[in-house]
Amino acid sequence: MSSLTSNEQVLFTSKELTLFKSLNTPRKIQEFLNQIPINFEPEGDTCLSPRRVLKENRAHCIEGAMLAALILRMHGHKPLLVDLESSRDDFDHVIAVFQQHGHWGAISKTNHAVLRYRGPVYKTIRELVLSYFHEYFDKNGKKTLRKYTEPVNLAEFDYLEWMTTADELWEIADYLAKAKHFSLLNRKQIALLKKPDRIEMDFGDVVEWKKEKI
């Protein structure tokens, strides 16, 4: 059963609805998201709505997460995002989360070989987030994942028409950045962290989409 009312569904074209209905599992949504080129933001920072992602055929993490959340919503899930906060040396990441059979999973848009899809095998959001911990490191090998939010329901932003608007969705991005974040570890634990091995570092450099040279 869809969480979108009939009045909300009329906001979408028949082509969009056909696509959304065909992506009827989180795995299919992730596979579709993987096919969308990464948004390198050549004209400057963006926070594109799901409709604009489909129209422009590009997305970075929060843009992909919002599209995934919309499609999940079409299939009866709440449209939930979680913000992963890094230390100052790295970038935050945003994932769309879902529950199946009482366990959490995640859909993730990333250009790297890591920080990707998570199957619904995690009992809590904290447990799910921790599955990203050892893969989350910067170019110097510092493990940087520090905090996370509880799931944020994008239905609270329906007044922005976030699913279809042509406007940038910075209000959602700002909300996620300012939302309450929960720490994953303390200072003593941070001090004990080991840098990844060279083979892990090399794997971290693998990208799915290469930036075109201008």
Protein backbone atom coordinates (compact mmCIF):
# COMPACT_ATOMS: atom_id res chain seq x y z
CA MET A 1 0.00 0.00 0.00
CA SER A 2 1.33 3.42 -0.93
CA SER A 3 1.84 6.10 1.72
CA LEU A 4 1.01 8.70 -0.93
CA THR A 5 -2.62 9.73 -1.23
CA SER A 6 -4.33 9.80 -4.61
CA ASN A 7 -4.10 13.60 -4.52
CA GLU A 8 -0.34 13.35 -3.97
CA GLN A 9 0.12 10.79 -6.71
CA VAL A 10 -1.38 13.16 -9.29
CA LEU A 11 1.68 15.37 -8.75
CA PHE A 12 3.69 12.83 -10.73
CA THR A 13 3.71 12.05 -14.42
CA SER A 14 2.62 8.64 -15.66
CA LYS A 15 6.26 7.95 -16.57
CA GLU A 16 7.41 8.76 -13.04
CA LEU A 17 4.69 6.63 -11.45
CA THR A 18 5.50 3.69 -13.72
CA LEU A 19 9.16 3.95 -12.74
CA PHE A 20 8.42 4.23 -9.01
CA LYS A 21 6.02 1.30 -9.06
CA SER A 22 8.59 -0.88 -10.82
CA LEU A 23 11.17 -0.18 -8.10
CA ASN A 24 9.21 -2.13 -5.51
CA THR A 25 12.05 -3.32 -3.25
CA PRO A 26 14.91 -1.46 -1.55
CA ARG A 27 17.39 -3.50 -3.60
CA LYS A 28 15.80 -2.38 -6.86
CA ILE A 29 15.84 1.22 -5.68
CA GLN A 30 19.54 0.95 -4.87
CA GLU A 31 20.33 -0.62 -8.24
CA PHE A 32 18.46 2.20 -9.99
CA LEU A 33 20.25 4.83 -7.92
CA ASN A 34 23.60 3.31 -8.84
CA GLN A 35 22.84 3.96 -12.52
CA ILE A 36 22.45 7.71 -11.98
CA PRO A 37 25.75 9.57 -12.57
CA ILE A 38 27.24 11.31 -9.57
CA ASN A 39 26.51 15.03 -9.31
CA PHE A 40 29.88 16.79 -9.34
CA GLU A 41 28.09 20.16 -9.06
CA PRO A 42 29.99 21.86 -11.92
CA GLU A 43 27.94 25.05 -11.59
CA GLY A 44 28.12 25.18 -7.78
CA ASP A 45 26.45 23.54 -4.78
CA THR A 46 23.07 21.94 -5.33
CA CYS A 47 20.37 20.22 -3.31
CA LEU A 48 18.10 18.85 -6.02
CA SER A 49 14.61 17.49 -5.51
CA PRO A 50 13.80 13.94 -6.65
CA ARG A 51 12.10 15.26 -9.78
CA ARG A 52 15.15 17.31 -10.71
CA VAL A 53 17.44 14.33 -10.08
CA LEU A 54 15.41 12.33 -12.59
CA LYS A 55 15.26 15.20 -15.08
CA GLU A 56 18.96 16.10 -14.87
CA ASN A 57 20.15 12.51 -14.35
CA ARG A 58 22.64 13.34 -11.59
CA ALA A 59 22.74 13.07 -7.79
CA HIS A 60 25.04 13.24 -4.82
CA CYS A 61 24.33 11.64 -1.45
CA ILE A 62 21.47 13.73 -0.05
CA GLU A 63 19.86 14.09 -3.46
CA GLY A 64 19.99 10.34 -4.00
CA ALA A 65 18.74 9.71 -0.48
CA MET A 66 15.71 11.95 -1.01
CA LEU A 67 14.85 10.18 -4.26
CA ALA A 68 15.17 6.81 -2.52
CA ALA A 69 12.98 8.05 0.34
CA LEU A 70 10.29 9.15 -2.13
CA ILE A 71 10.24 5.76 -3.86
CA LEU A 72 10.19 3.96 -0.52
CA ARG A 73 7.23 6.14 0.43
CA MET A 74 5.44 5.06 -2.73
CA HIS A 75 5.66 1.49 -1.44
CA GLY A 76 4.37 2.14 2.05
CA HIS A 77 7.56 3.05 3.94
CA LYS A 78 8.07 6.31 5.76
CA PRO A 79 10.46 8.62 3.85
CA LEU A 80 13.32 8.60 6.36
CA LEU A 81 16.80 10.12 6.17
CA VAL A 82 19.74 9.76 8.57
CA ASP A 83 22.67 12.16 8.63
CA LEU A 84 26.12 10.71 9.32
CA GLU A 85 28.37 13.39 10.75
CA SER A 86 32.13 13.24 10.32
CA SER A 87 34.95 15.09 12.02
CA ARG A 88 36.09 18.38 10.50
CA ASP A 89 38.56 16.53 8.26
CA ASP A 90 35.90 14.79 6.18
CA PHE A 91 32.43 15.13 4.68
CA ASP A 92 29.07 14.17 6.15
CA HIS A 93 26.96 11.55 4.41
CA VAL A 94 23.18 11.12 4.16
CA ILE A 95 21.36 7.80 3.76
CA ALA A 96 17.74 6.75 3.30
CA VAL A 97 16.75 4.13 5.86
CA PHE A 98 13.97 1.56 5.88
CA GLN A 99 12.67 -1.31 8.00
CA GLN A 100 11.82 -4.83 6.93
CA HIS A 101 10.82 -7.59 9.36
CA GLY A 102 11.75 -5.36 12.30
CA HIS A 103 15.30 -4.63 11.13
CA TRP A 104 16.91 -1.55 9.59
CA GLY A 105 18.64 -1.24 6.24
CA ALA A 106 19.90 1.70 4.17
CA ILE A 107 20.02 2.97 0.60
CA SER A 108 23.04 5.12 -0.17
CA LYS A 109 24.21 7.20 -3.13
CA THR A 110 27.99 7.43 -3.18
CA ASN A 111 30.73 7.60 -5.77
CA HIS A 112 33.03 5.35 -3.76
CA ALA A 113 33.35 1.60 -3.38
CA VAL A 114 32.31 1.86 0.26
CA LEU A 115 29.50 3.58 2.24
CA ARG A 116 26.94 1.81 0.08
CA TYR A 117 23.73 -0.24 0.50
CA ARG A 118 23.03 -2.04 3.77
CA GLY A 119 20.64 -4.97 3.95
CA PRO A 120 17.91 -4.90 6.63
CA VAL A 121 19.78 -6.90 9.27
CA TYR A 122 20.41 -4.23 11.93
CA LYS A 123 18.33 -4.05 15.10
CA THR A 124 18.88 -0.33 15.73
CA ILE A 125 19.86 2.79 13.82
CA ARG A 126 23.06 2.99 15.87
CA GLU A 127 23.97 -0.55 14.85
CA LEU A 128 23.28 0.31 11.21
CA VAL A 129 25.40 3.46 11.37
CA LEU A 130 28.28 1.59 13.01
CA SER A 131 28.40 -0.71 10.00
CA TYR A 132 29.84 2.28 8.11
CA PHE A 133 32.44 3.15 10.74
CA HIS A 134 35.58 1.33 9.60
CA GLU A 135 35.01 2.23 5.95
CA TYR A 136 34.59 5.92 6.76
CA PHE A 137 38.09 7.42 6.56
CA ASP A 138 39.74 10.40 4.88
CA LYS A 139 42.64 10.48 2.44
CA ASN A 140 45.11 10.42 5.33
CA GLY A 141 43.63 7.25 6.82
CA LYS A 142 41.89 8.93 9.74
CA LYS A 143 38.60 7.27 10.65
CA THR A 144 36.22 10.20 10.78
CA LEU A 145 32.64 9.04 11.45
CA ARG A 146 31.59 10.58 14.75
CA LYS A 147 27.83 11.13 15.09
CA TYR A 148 24.44 10.36 13.60
CA THR A 149 20.83 11.52 13.78
CA GLU A 150 17.74 9.53 14.47
CA PRO A 151 15.64 9.10 11.29
CA VAL A 152 14.16 12.37 10.00
CA ASN A 153 10.75 11.97 8.35
CA LEU A 154 10.62 13.99 5.12
CA ALA A 155 6.82 14.06 5.36
CA GLU A 156 7.43 16.97 7.73
CA PHE A 157 8.69 18.91 4.71
CA ASP A 158 5.77 18.26 2.40
CA TYR A 159 4.96 21.97 2.60
CA LEU A 160 8.14 22.54 0.58
CA GLU A 161 6.83 20.21 -2.15
CA TRP A 162 10.21 18.50 -1.78
CA MET A 163 9.30 15.58 -4.04
CA THR A 164 8.66 17.68 -7.14
CA THR A 165 9.88 21.25 -6.63
CA ALA A 166 12.26 22.97 -9.02
CA ASP A 167 13.74 24.87 -6.07
CA GLU A 168 16.86 23.88 -4.16
CA LEU A 169 16.08 22.03 -0.93
CA TRP A 170 18.58 23.71 1.36
CA GLU A 171 16.03 23.85 4.18
CA ILE A 172 16.15 20.05 4.43
CA ALA A 173 19.95 19.98 4.25
CA ASP A 174 20.19 22.64 6.96
CA TYR A 175 17.70 20.79 9.16
CA LEU A 176 19.74 17.60 8.96
CA ALA A 177 22.95 19.45 9.77
CA LYS A 178 21.41 21.16 12.82
CA ALA A 179 19.38 18.18 14.10
CA LYS A 180 20.42 16.48 17.32
CA HIS A 181 23.31 14.12 16.67
CA PHE A 182 24.34 11.21 18.87
CA SER A 183 27.99 10.39 19.48
CA LEU A 184 29.33 7.02 18.37
CA LEU A 185 32.48 6.98 20.52
CA ASN A 186 34.34 8.88 23.21
CA ARG A 187 37.81 10.43 23.27
CA LYS A 188 39.47 7.33 24.71
CA GLN A 189 38.01 5.22 21.94
CA ILE A 190 39.13 7.74 19.32
CA ALA A 191 42.68 7.59 20.68
CA LEU A 192 42.75 3.81 20.20
CA LEU A 193 41.68 3.85 16.54
CA LYS A 194 43.99 2.20 14.03
CA LYS A 195 44.49 3.60 10.57
CA PRO A 196 43.36 1.37 7.69
CA ASP A 197 45.94 -0.82 5.98
CA ARG A 198 47.35 0.23 2.62
CA ILE A 199 45.11 -2.20 0.74
CA GLU A 200 42.08 -0.63 2.46
CA MET A 201 43.33 2.84 1.55
CA ASP A 202 43.74 1.80 -2.09
CA PHE A 203 40.23 0.34 -2.13
CA GLY A 204 38.92 3.60 -0.73
CA ASP A 205 40.21 5.41 -3.82
CA VAL A 206 38.02 3.37 -6.18
CA VAL A 207 35.22 5.49 -7.69
CA GLU A 208 32.18 4.56 -9.76
CA TRP A 209 31.97 7.76 -11.80
CA LYS A 210 34.99 9.76 -12.98
CA LYS A 211 34.83 13.52 -13.21
CA GLU A 212 35.19 14.72 -16.75
CA LYS A 213 38.11 17.03 -17.40
CA ILE A 214 37.13 20.44 -18.70
